[in-house]
C-alpha atoms as a PDB file:
ATOM      1  CA  MET A   1      -0.090  -0.031   0.290  1.00  0.00           C
ATOM      2  CA  SER A   2       1.612   3.431  -0.732  1.00  0.00           C
ATOM      3  CA  TRP A   3       1.949   6.519   1.310  1.00  0.00           C
ATOM      4  CA  ARG A   4      -1.022   8.182   1.696  1.00  0.00           C
ATOM      5  CA  PHE A   5      -1.672  10.812   4.558  1.00  0.00           C
ATOM      6  CA  LYS A   6      -5.415  12.881   5.732  1.00  0.00           C
ATOM      7  CA  LEU A   7      -5.375  16.685   4.571  1.00  0.00           C
ATOM      8  CA  TYR A   8      -7.147  18.113   7.209  1.00  0.00           C
ATOM      9  CA  ASP A   9      -6.036  18.123  11.175  1.00  0.00           C
ATOM     10  CA  ILE A  10      -8.519  17.790  13.401  1.00  0.00           C
ATOM     11  CA  GLU A  11      -8.137  19.996  16.672  1.00  0.00           C
ATOM     12  CA  PRO A  12     -10.049  19.425  19.888  1.00  0.00           C
ATOM     13  CA  ASP A  13     -11.275  22.961  19.594  1.00  0.00           C
ATOM     14  CA  HIS A  14     -12.758  23.122  16.272  1.00  0.00           C
ATOM     15  CA  VAL A  15     -16.156  23.203  14.453  1.00  0.00           C
ATOM     16  CA  VAL A  16     -17.857  20.259  14.477  1.00  0.00           C
ATOM     17  CA  SER A  17     -18.044  19.486  10.204  1.00  0.00           C
ATOM     18  CA  ILE A  18     -18.350  16.400   8.444  1.00  0.00           C
ATOM     19  CA  GLU A  19     -17.002  17.407   5.372  1.00  0.00           C
ATOM     20  CA  PRO A  20     -13.182  17.466   6.432  1.00  0.00           C
ATOM     21  CA  ILE A  21     -13.609  14.408   8.361  1.00  0.00           C
ATOM     22  CA  ASN A  22     -14.966  12.424   5.376  1.00  0.00           C
ATOM     23  CA  GLU A  23     -12.263  13.974   2.821  1.00  0.00           C
ATOM     24  CA  ASN A  24      -9.936  12.572   5.448  1.00  0.00           C
ATOM     25  CA  PHE A  25     -10.914   9.333   5.089  1.00  0.00           C
ATOM     26  CA  GLN A  26     -11.434   9.660   0.949  1.00  0.00           C
ATOM     27  CA  PRO A  27      -7.543   8.513   0.221  1.00  0.00           C
ATOM     28  CA  PHE A  28      -7.525   5.889   2.388  1.00  0.00           C
ATOM     29  CA  VAL A  29     -11.121   4.321   0.915  1.00  0.00           C
ATOM     30  CA  GLU A  30      -9.781   5.209  -2.984  1.00  0.00           C
ATOM     31  CA  GLU A  31      -6.854   2.999  -2.234  1.00  0.00           C
ATOM     32  CA  LEU A  32      -8.786  -0.375  -0.409  1.00  0.00           C
ATOM     33  CA  ALA A  33     -11.379   1.064  -3.584  1.00  0.00           C
ATOM     34  CA  GLY A  34      -8.652  -0.412  -6.015  1.00  0.00           C
ATOM     35  CA  GLY A  35      -7.460   3.301  -6.384  1.00  0.00           C
ATOM     36  CA  LEU A  36      -3.878   2.446  -7.552  1.00  0.00           C
ATOM     37  CA  ASN A  37      -0.807   4.730  -8.543  1.00  0.00           C
ATOM     38  CA  GLU A  38       2.913   4.398  -8.846  1.00  0.00           C
ATOM     39  CA  HIS A  39       3.351   4.007  -5.786  1.00  0.00           C
ATOM     40  CA  ASN A  40       1.724   0.225  -5.434  1.00  0.00           C
ATOM     41  CA  PHE A  41       3.947  -0.622  -8.544  1.00  0.00           C
ATOM     42  CA  SER A  42       8.079  -1.826  -8.828  1.00  0.00           C
ATOM     43  CA  ALA A  43       9.380   0.690 -12.006  1.00  0.00           C
ATOM     44  CA  SER A  44       9.969  -2.749 -13.428  1.00  0.00           C
ATOM     45  CA  ALA A  45       7.118  -4.644 -13.066  1.00  0.00           C
ATOM     46  CA  PHE A  46       6.045  -4.189 -16.260  1.00  0.00           C
ATOM     47  CA  THR A  47       7.097  -4.000 -19.645  1.00  0.00           C
ATOM     48  CA  LEU A  48       5.893  -3.461 -23.324  1.00  0.00           C
ATOM     49  CA  ALA A  49       5.974  -7.289 -23.919  1.00  0.00           C
ATOM     50  CA  ASN A  50       3.086  -7.170 -21.013  1.00  0.00           C
ATOM     51  CA  PHE A  51       0.130  -5.589 -23.121  1.00  0.00           C
ATOM     52  CA  ALA A  52      -0.782  -5.472 -26.885  1.00  0.00           C
ATOM     53  CA  ASP A  53      -0.185  -2.953 -29.442  1.00  0.00           C
ATOM     54  CA  ASP A  54      -3.614  -1.544 -28.790  1.00  0.00           C
ATOM     55  CA  ALA A  55      -3.952  -1.671 -24.491  1.00  0.00           C
ATOM     56  CA  ALA A  56      -4.370   1.830 -24.776  1.00  0.00           C
ATOM     57  CA  LEU A  57      -4.468   3.389 -28.044  1.00  0.00           C
ATOM     58  CA  ARG A  58      -4.161   2.357 -31.854  1.00  0.00           C
ATOM     59  CA  LEU A  59      -1.790   3.696 -33.976  1.00  0.00           C
ATOM     60  CA  HIS A  60      -3.056   3.654 -38.049  1.00  0.00           C
ATOM     61  CA  ARG A  61       0.012   4.829 -39.644  1.00  0.00           C
ATOM     62  CA  SER A  62       0.092   5.627 -43.797  1.00  0.00           C
ATOM     63  CA  ILE A  63       3.837   6.604 -45.021  1.00  0.00           C
ATOM     64  CA  PRO A  64       5.339   5.624 -48.354  1.00  0.00           C
ATOM     65  CA  THR A  65       8.980   3.812 -49.388  1.00  0.00           C
ATOM     66  CA  MET A  66      10.666   6.763 -51.306  1.00  0.00           C
ATOM     67  CA  ALA A  67      12.942   6.076 -53.180  1.00  0.00           C
ATOM     68  CA  ASP A  68      16.884   7.902 -51.565  1.00  0.00           C
ATOM     69  CA  LEU A  69      18.122   9.795 -54.202  1.00  0.00           C
ATOM     70  CA  GLY A  70      19.272  12.903 -52.779  1.00  0.00           C
ATOM     71  CA  PRO A  71      17.249  16.388 -51.602  1.00  0.00           C
ATOM     72  CA  THR A  72      17.177  18.198 -54.351  1.00  0.00           C
ATOM     73  CA  ALA A  73      16.523  14.691 -56.615  1.00  0.00           C
ATOM     74  CA  GLY A  74      12.625  15.699 -56.939  1.00  0.00           C
ATOM     75  CA  TYR A  75      13.393  19.105 -59.052  1.00  0.00           C
ATOM     76  CA  SER A  76      14.823  17.218 -62.106  1.00  0.00           C
ATOM     77  CA  ASN A  77      12.889  13.478 -61.501  1.00  0.00           C
ATOM     78  CA  PRO A  78       9.497  14.030 -59.051  1.00  0.00           C
ATOM     79  CA  ALA A  79       8.420  10.745 -60.235  1.00  0.00           C
ATOM     80  CA  ALA A  80      11.711   8.796 -59.662  1.00  0.00           C
ATOM     81  CA  ALA A  81      11.734  10.520 -55.768  1.00  0.00           C
ATOM     82  CA  GLY A  82       7.636   9.966 -55.472  1.00  0.00           C
ATOM     83  CA  TRP A  83       6.756  13.468 -55.107  1.00  0.00           C
ATOM     84  CA  VAL A  84       3.095  13.682 -55.761  1.00  0.00           C
ATOM     85  CA  SER A  85       1.643  16.175 -58.177  1.00  0.00           C
ATOM     86  CA  ILE A  86      -0.326  19.314 -57.327  1.00  0.00           C
ATOM     87  CA  GLU A  87      -2.287  19.530 -60.699  1.00  0.00           C
ATOM     88  CA  SER A  88      -2.938  23.927 -61.584  1.00  0.00           C
ATOM     89  CA  GLN A  89      -6.096  24.207 -60.814  1.00  0.00           C
ATOM     90  CA  ASP A  90      -8.546  25.543 -58.610  1.00  0.00           C
ATOM     91  CA  GLY A  91     -11.081  23.714 -55.761  1.00  0.00           C
ATOM     92  CA  TRP A  92      -9.703  20.673 -53.028  1.00  0.00           C
ATOM     93  CA  GLN A  93      -7.644  18.447 -54.342  1.00  0.00           C
ATOM     94  CA  ALA A  94      -7.215  14.828 -52.855  1.00  0.00           C
ATOM     95  CA  PHE A  95      -4.484  11.882 -53.760  1.00  0.00           C
ATOM     96  CA  ASN A  96      -4.806   8.362 -53.827  1.00  0.00           C
ATOM     97  CA  ASP A  97      -1.334   8.128 -52.895  1.00  0.00           C
ATOM     98  CA  GLU A  98      -0.062   6.582 -49.241  1.00  0.00           C
ATOM     99  CA  GLY A  99       0.750   9.575 -47.127  1.00  0.00           C
ATOM    100  CA  LEU A 100      -1.779  11.680 -48.050  1.00  0.00           C
ATOM    101  CA  ARG A 101      -4.953   9.433 -47.925  1.00  0.00           C
ATOM    102  CA  LEU A 102      -5.752   6.643 -44.341  1.00  0.00           C
ATOM    103  CA  GLU A 103      -8.777   4.804 -44.245  1.00  0.00           C
ATOM    104  CA  PHE A 104      -8.960   2.108 -40.588  1.00  0.00           C
ATOM    105  CA  THR A 105     -11.323   0.225 -38.860  1.00  0.00           C
ATOM    106  CA  GLY A 106     -12.353   2.605 -35.805  1.00  0.00           C
ATOM    107  CA  ARG A 107     -13.680   1.693 -32.486  1.00  0.00           C
ATOM    108  CA  GLY A 108     -15.175   5.250 -32.549  1.00  0.00           C
ATOM    109  CA  GLY A 109     -14.725   7.619 -29.927  1.00  0.00           C
ATOM    110  CA  PRO A 110     -11.125  10.619 -29.592  1.00  0.00           C
ATOM    111  CA  ALA A 111      -8.864  10.356 -32.037  1.00  0.00           C
ATOM    112  CA  TYR A 112      -5.925  12.509 -33.076  1.00  0.00           C
ATOM    113  CA  LEU A 113      -5.227  13.037 -37.074  1.00  0.00           C
ATOM    114  CA  CYS A 114      -1.947  14.692 -37.624  1.00  0.00           C
ATOM    115  CA  ALA A 115      -0.646  15.016 -41.468  1.00  0.00           C
ATOM    116  CA  SER A 116       3.327  15.735 -42.196  1.00  0.00           C
ATOM    117  CA  PHE A 117       4.472  16.973 -45.435  1.00  0.00           C
ATOM    118  CA  ASN A 118       6.811  19.098 -47.548  1.00  0.00           C
ATOM    119  CA  ILE A 119       5.360  21.130 -50.373  1.00  0.00           C
ATOM    120  CA  HIS A 120       8.101  22.152 -53.459  1.00  0.00           C
ATOM    121  CA  CYS A 121       7.468  25.217 -55.748  1.00  0.00           C
ATOM    122  CA  GLY A 122       9.528  27.133 -58.135  1.00  0.00           C
ATOM    123  CA  THR A 123      13.162  25.452 -58.972  1.00  0.00           C
ATOM    124  CA  ASN A 124      16.230  24.247 -56.461  1.00  0.00           C
ATOM    125  CA  SER A 125      18.001  26.906 -57.656  1.00  0.00           C
ATOM    126  CA  THR A 126      18.877  30.048 -55.124  1.00  0.00           C
ATOM    127  CA  ALA A 127      19.274  32.484 -57.813  1.00  0.00           C
ATOM    128  CA  TYR A 128      16.124  34.110 -56.751  1.00  0.00           C
ATOM    129  CA  ILE A 129      17.857  38.162 -57.181  1.00  0.00           C
ATOM    130  CA  ALA A 130      18.394  37.335 -60.510  1.00  0.00           C
ATOM    131  CA  LEU A 131      16.078  34.992 -61.313  1.00  0.00           C
ATOM    132  CA  PRO A 132      12.952  36.403 -59.861  1.00  0.00           C
ATOM    133  CA  LYS A 133      10.513  33.891 -61.383  1.00  0.00           C
ATOM    134  CA  PHE A 134      12.504  30.016 -59.667  1.00  0.00           C
ATOM    135  CA  ARG A 135      10.150  31.221 -56.871  1.00  0.00           C
ATOM    136  CA  GLN A 136       7.027  30.800 -55.705  1.00  0.00           C
ATOM    137  CA  MET A 137       4.377  32.027 -58.240  1.00  0.00           C
ATOM    138  CA  GLY A 138       0.683  31.987 -57.100  1.00  0.00           C
ATOM    139  CA  PHE A 139      -1.391  32.977 -54.486  1.00  0.00           C
ATOM    140  CA  GLY A 140      -0.384  30.038 -52.785  1.00  0.00           C
ATOM    141  CA  TYR A 141      -1.714  27.130 -51.193  1.00  0.00           C
ATOM    142  CA  LEU A 142      -4.371  26.419 -49.142  1.00  0.00           C
ATOM    143  CA  VAL A 143      -3.994  23.082 -46.565  1.00  0.00           C
ATOM    144  CA  ALA A 144      -6.491  20.840 -44.542  1.00  0.00           C
ATOM    145  CA  LEU A 145      -7.280  17.868 -43.727  1.00  0.00           C
ATOM    146  CA  ARG A 146     -11.458  16.019 -45.065  1.00  0.00           C
ATOM    147  CA  VAL A 147     -12.376  12.935 -43.095  1.00  0.00           C
ATOM    148  CA  ASN A 148     -15.377  11.091 -44.309  1.00  0.00           C
ATOM    149  CA  GLY A 149     -15.725  13.459 -47.241  1.00  0.00           C
ATOM    150  CA  SER A 150     -16.098  16.807 -45.121  1.00  0.00           C
ATOM    151  CA  VAL A 151     -12.766  18.911 -44.909  1.00  0.00           C
ATOM    152  CA  LEU A 152     -12.191  20.034 -40.936  1.00  0.00           C
ATOM    153  CA  HIS A 153     -12.507  23.905 -41.171  1.00  0.00           C
ATOM    154  CA  GLU A 154     -10.433  23.982 -38.081  1.00  0.00           C
ATOM    155  CA  THR A 155      -7.343  22.427 -39.962  1.00  0.00           C
ATOM    156  CA  ILE A 156      -7.319  24.428 -42.564  1.00  0.00           C
ATOM    157  CA  LEU A 157      -3.892  26.257 -42.834  1.00  0.00           C
ATOM    158  CA  GLY A 158      -4.136  29.686 -45.089  1.00  0.00           C
ATOM    159  CA  SER A 159      -7.078  32.328 -44.938  1.00  0.00           C
ATOM    160  CA  GLY A 160     -10.106  30.239 -45.531  1.00  0.00           C
ATOM    161  CA  ASP A 161     -11.988  33.192 -46.897  1.00  0.00           C
ATOM    162  CA  LEU A 162     -10.886  33.035 -50.802  1.00  0.00           C
ATOM    163  CA  SER A 163     -14.459  35.766 -50.869  1.00  0.00           C
ATOM    164  CA  GLN A 164     -12.111  38.413 -49.099  1.00  0.00           C
ATOM    165  CA  ASP A 165      -8.158  38.591 -49.729  1.00  0.00           C
ATOM    166  CA  ASP A 166      -7.084  40.845 -52.169  1.00  0.00           C
ATOM    167  CA  PHE A 167      -5.562  39.253 -54.867  1.00  0.00           C
ATOM    168  CA  ARG A 168      -2.752  41.171 -56.905  1.00  0.00           C
ATOM    169  CA  SER A 169       0.451  40.957 -59.131  1.00  0.00           C
ATOM    170  CA  ASP A 170       2.803  43.042 -59.868  1.00  0.00           C
ATOM    171  CA  GLN A 171       2.238  45.526 -62.795  1.00  0.00           C
ATOM    172  CA  PHE A 172      -1.352  45.305 -62.101  1.00  0.00           C
ATOM    173  CA  GLY A 173      -3.133  47.709 -60.603  1.00  0.00           C
ATOM    174  CA  ASP A 174      -5.726  51.211 -61.525  1.00  0.00           C
ATOM    175  CA  ALA A 175      -5.590  52.105 -65.168  1.00  0.00           C
ATOM    176  CA  ALA A 176      -6.301  55.467 -64.049  1.00  0.00           C
ATOM    177  CA  ASN A 177      -2.971  55.540 -62.255  1.00  0.00           C
ATOM    178  CA  SER A 178      -0.642  54.307 -65.824  1.00  0.00           C
ATOM    179  CA  ALA A 179      -1.514  53.731 -68.590  1.00  0.00           C
ATOM    180  CA  SER A 180       0.929  50.627 -68.558  1.00  0.00           C
ATOM    181  CA  GLN A 181      -1.090  49.159 -65.924  1.00  0.00           C
ATOM    182  CA  ASN A 182      -3.731  46.173 -66.027  1.00  0.00           C
ATOM    183  CA  THR A 183      -1.649  44.955 -68.934  1.00  0.00           C
ATOM    184  CA  ARG A 184      -0.895  41.690 -66.954  1.00  0.00           C
ATOM    185  CA  SER A 185      -3.430  38.293 -66.210  1.00  0.00           C
ATOM    186  CA  PRO A 186      -3.272  38.877 -61.635  1.00  0.00           C
ATOM    187  CA  ILE A 187      -1.817  35.659 -61.570  1.00  0.00           C
ATOM    188  CA  ALA A 188       1.201  36.222 -63.029  1.00  0.00           C
ATOM    189  CA  GLU A 189       5.236  35.882 -62.017  1.00  0.00           C
ATOM    190  CA  LEU A 190       5.286  37.650 -59.042  1.00  0.00           C
ATOM    191  CA  PRO A 191       1.966  38.130 -57.551  1.00  0.00           C
ATOM    192  CA  GLN A 192       1.941  40.286 -54.147  1.00  0.00           C
ATOM    193  CA  GLY A 193      -1.523  39.325 -51.815  1.00  0.00           C
ATOM    194  CA  GLY A 194      -3.109  36.187 -51.771  1.00  0.00           C
ATOM    195  CA  GLY A 195      -4.986  34.329 -48.692  1.00  0.00           C
ATOM    196  CA  GLY A 196      -2.647  31.096 -49.593  1.00  0.00           C
ATOM    197  CA  LEU A 197       0.729  29.494 -47.920  1.00  0.00           C
ATOM    198  CA  ALA A 198       3.743  31.234 -49.776  1.00  0.00           C
ATOM    199  CA  GLY A 199       6.956  29.913 -50.497  1.00  0.00           C
ATOM    200  CA  ALA A 200       9.540  27.979 -52.717  1.00  0.00           C
ATOM    201  CA  ARG A 201       9.469  25.160 -50.208  1.00  0.00           C
ATOM    202  CA  LEU A 202       7.115  24.609 -47.860  1.00  0.00           C
ATOM    203  CA  PRO A 203       7.283  21.837 -44.731  1.00  0.00           C
ATOM    204  CA  ILE A 204       3.620  21.885 -43.261  1.00  0.00           C
ATOM    205  CA  VAL A 205       1.569  20.201 -40.255  1.00  0.00           C
ATOM    206  CA  VAL A 206      -1.838  20.140 -39.884  1.00  0.00           C
ATOM    207  CA  ASP A 207      -3.735  18.337 -37.284  1.00  0.00           C
ATOM    208  CA  ALA A 208      -7.180  17.690 -35.282  1.00  0.00           C
ATOM    209  CA  VAL A 209      -8.544  16.271 -32.399  1.00  0.00           C
ATOM    210  CA  ILE A 210     -11.719  14.945 -33.101  1.00  0.00           C
ATOM    211  CA  ASP A 211     -14.739  12.366 -32.410  1.00  0.00           C
ATOM    212  CA  MET A 212     -14.554   9.389 -35.025  1.00  0.00           C
ATOM    213  CA  LEU A 213     -17.834   6.733 -35.542  1.00  0.00           C
ATOM    214  CA  PRO A 214     -17.176   3.453 -35.522  1.00  0.00           C
ATOM    215  CA  GLY A 215     -16.180   1.527 -38.480  1.00  0.00           C
ATOM    216  CA  VAL A 216     -15.075   2.211 -41.343  1.00  0.00           C
ATOM    217  CA  ASN A 217     -13.399   5.808 -41.501  1.00  0.00           C
ATOM    218  CA  LEU A 218     -11.354   7.356 -44.627  1.00  0.00           C
ATOM    219  CA  VAL A 219      -8.671  11.301 -43.467  1.00  0.00           C
ATOM    220  CA  GLU A 220      -7.471  12.624 -46.708  1.00  0.00           C
ATOM    221  CA  VAL A 221      -5.163  15.806 -46.989  1.00  0.00           C
ATOM    222  CA  VAL A 222      -6.588  17.906 -49.325  1.00  0.00           C
ATOM    223  CA  VAL A 223      -4.857  20.495 -51.528  1.00  0.00           C
ATOM    224  CA  MET A 224      -6.080  23.837 -52.865  1.00  0.00           C
ATOM    225  CA  ASN A 225      -4.009  25.800 -55.192  1.00  0.00           C
ATOM    226  CA  ILE A 226      -5.622  28.483 -55.041  1.00  0.00           C
ATOM    227  CA  ARG A 227      -7.114  29.857 -59.109  1.00  0.00           C
ATOM    228  CA  GLY A 228      -4.876  27.439 -59.996  1.00  0.00           C
ATOM    229  CA  SER A 229      -2.187  30.199 -59.814  1.00  0.00           C
ATOM    230  CA  MET A 230       0.464  28.119 -57.901  1.00  0.00           C
ATOM    231  CA  GLN A 231       3.385  26.623 -59.971  1.00  0.00           C
ATOM    232  CA  ARG A 232       6.899  26.141 -61.051  1.00  0.00           C
ATOM    233  CA  ALA A 233      10.424  27.942 -62.932  1.00  0.00           C
ATOM    234  CA  PRO A 234      12.144  25.905 -64.839  1.00  0.00           C
ATOM    235  CA  ALA A 235      15.480  27.031 -66.174  1.00  0.00           C
ATOM    236  CA  ALA A 236      15.688  27.670 -70.175  1.00  0.00           C
ATOM    237  CA  GLY A 237      15.855  23.638 -71.198  1.00  0.00           C
ATOM    238  CA  ALA A 238      17.433  22.764 -67.590  1.00  0.00           C
ATOM    239  CA  GLU A 239      13.661  20.473 -67.245  1.00  0.00           C
ATOM    240  CA  THR A 240      11.003  18.451 -69.086  1.00  0.00           C
ATOM    241  CA  TYR A 241       7.830  18.432 -67.057  1.00  0.00           C
ATOM    242  CA  ASP A 242       5.287  20.101 -66.619  1.00  0.00           C
ATOM    243  CA  ALA A 243       6.223  23.644 -65.289  1.00  0.00           C
ATOM    244  CA  ARG A 244       2.327  24.276 -63.874  1.00  0.00           C
ATOM    245  CA  LEU A 245       2.684  21.362 -61.364  1.00  0.00           C
ATOM    246  CA  THR A 246       3.902  21.756 -57.977  1.00  0.00           C
ATOM    247  CA  TYR A 247       4.599  18.638 -55.736  1.00  0.00           C
ATOM    248  CA  ILE A 248       4.527  16.667 -52.447  1.00  0.00           C
ATOM    249  CA  GLY A 249       7.651  15.594 -51.470  1.00  0.00           C
ATOM    250  CA  HIS A 250       8.283  13.734 -48.109  1.00  0.00           C
ATOM    251  CA  ARG A 251       4.831  12.698 -46.261  1.00  0.00           C
ATOM    252  CA  GLU A 252       3.036  11.219 -43.846  1.00  0.00           C
ATOM    253  CA  LEU A 253      -0.282  10.767 -42.393  1.00  0.00           C
ATOM    254  CA  PHE A 254      -1.387   9.203 -38.871  1.00  0.00           C
ATOM    255  CA  ALA A 255      -4.354   8.862 -36.249  1.00  0.00           C
ATOM    256  CA  LEU A 256      -4.080   7.900 -33.390  1.00  0.00           C
ATOM    257  CA  GLU A 257      -7.038   6.633 -31.293  1.00  0.00           C
ATOM    258  CA  MET A 258      -6.924   7.352 -27.919  1.00  0.00           C
ATOM    259  CA  VAL A 259      -9.561   3.955 -26.814  1.00  0.00           C
ATOM    260  CA  ARG A 260      -8.887   4.039 -22.722  1.00  0.00           C
END
């Protein structure tokens, strides 16, 4: 039996009350009723071998096996590197690839969902001063988790309200101010504005804790290429893949059922 101590000292001149007496008895009653704690067991009493893998938590995990071609090989050969393409189109996109889609049979109850991945835009170049188009080229991405066909709005990264975002590009403005303006598309090489995640190389983590239904569940990573504007800028004659595609590289998706 572990060490337990009373909460209150009862003195002869105290006002008679049943509450402190009951609270003094409670720790010992809990002990006798099976309320055990770390004092009741030796540190070596249990090992992982004593428990089933799903004794307290159940892990469902999706992660692809990717070729180790070096950190920059995907820029020249994304297919060989196992990268997944993001289409140059508007709207939510889902992917039928490991690390971005997870289907499992769950017990129901609270679950922690988490996706971790990289989005690659631009090229494998640091010469962005002389070649600015090698940087990210559009209005950004929105990223979220989708469960059983419904996007979890609390997981959206980016503004999530495209009706309120101000989309502009360089040299695009009010024609009254300059005769040379309004001559370029808002989706241009150097956009300014937009409410999405922006950058040439984006490390992303998106997660949520939700209550899931028992049975078969489908968890997906979804990406919105805002107005289909995000694209890559290949160096002249150096790349053969579609420059309008961007890519998801290394990735992992898991669901941790907290079933205890």
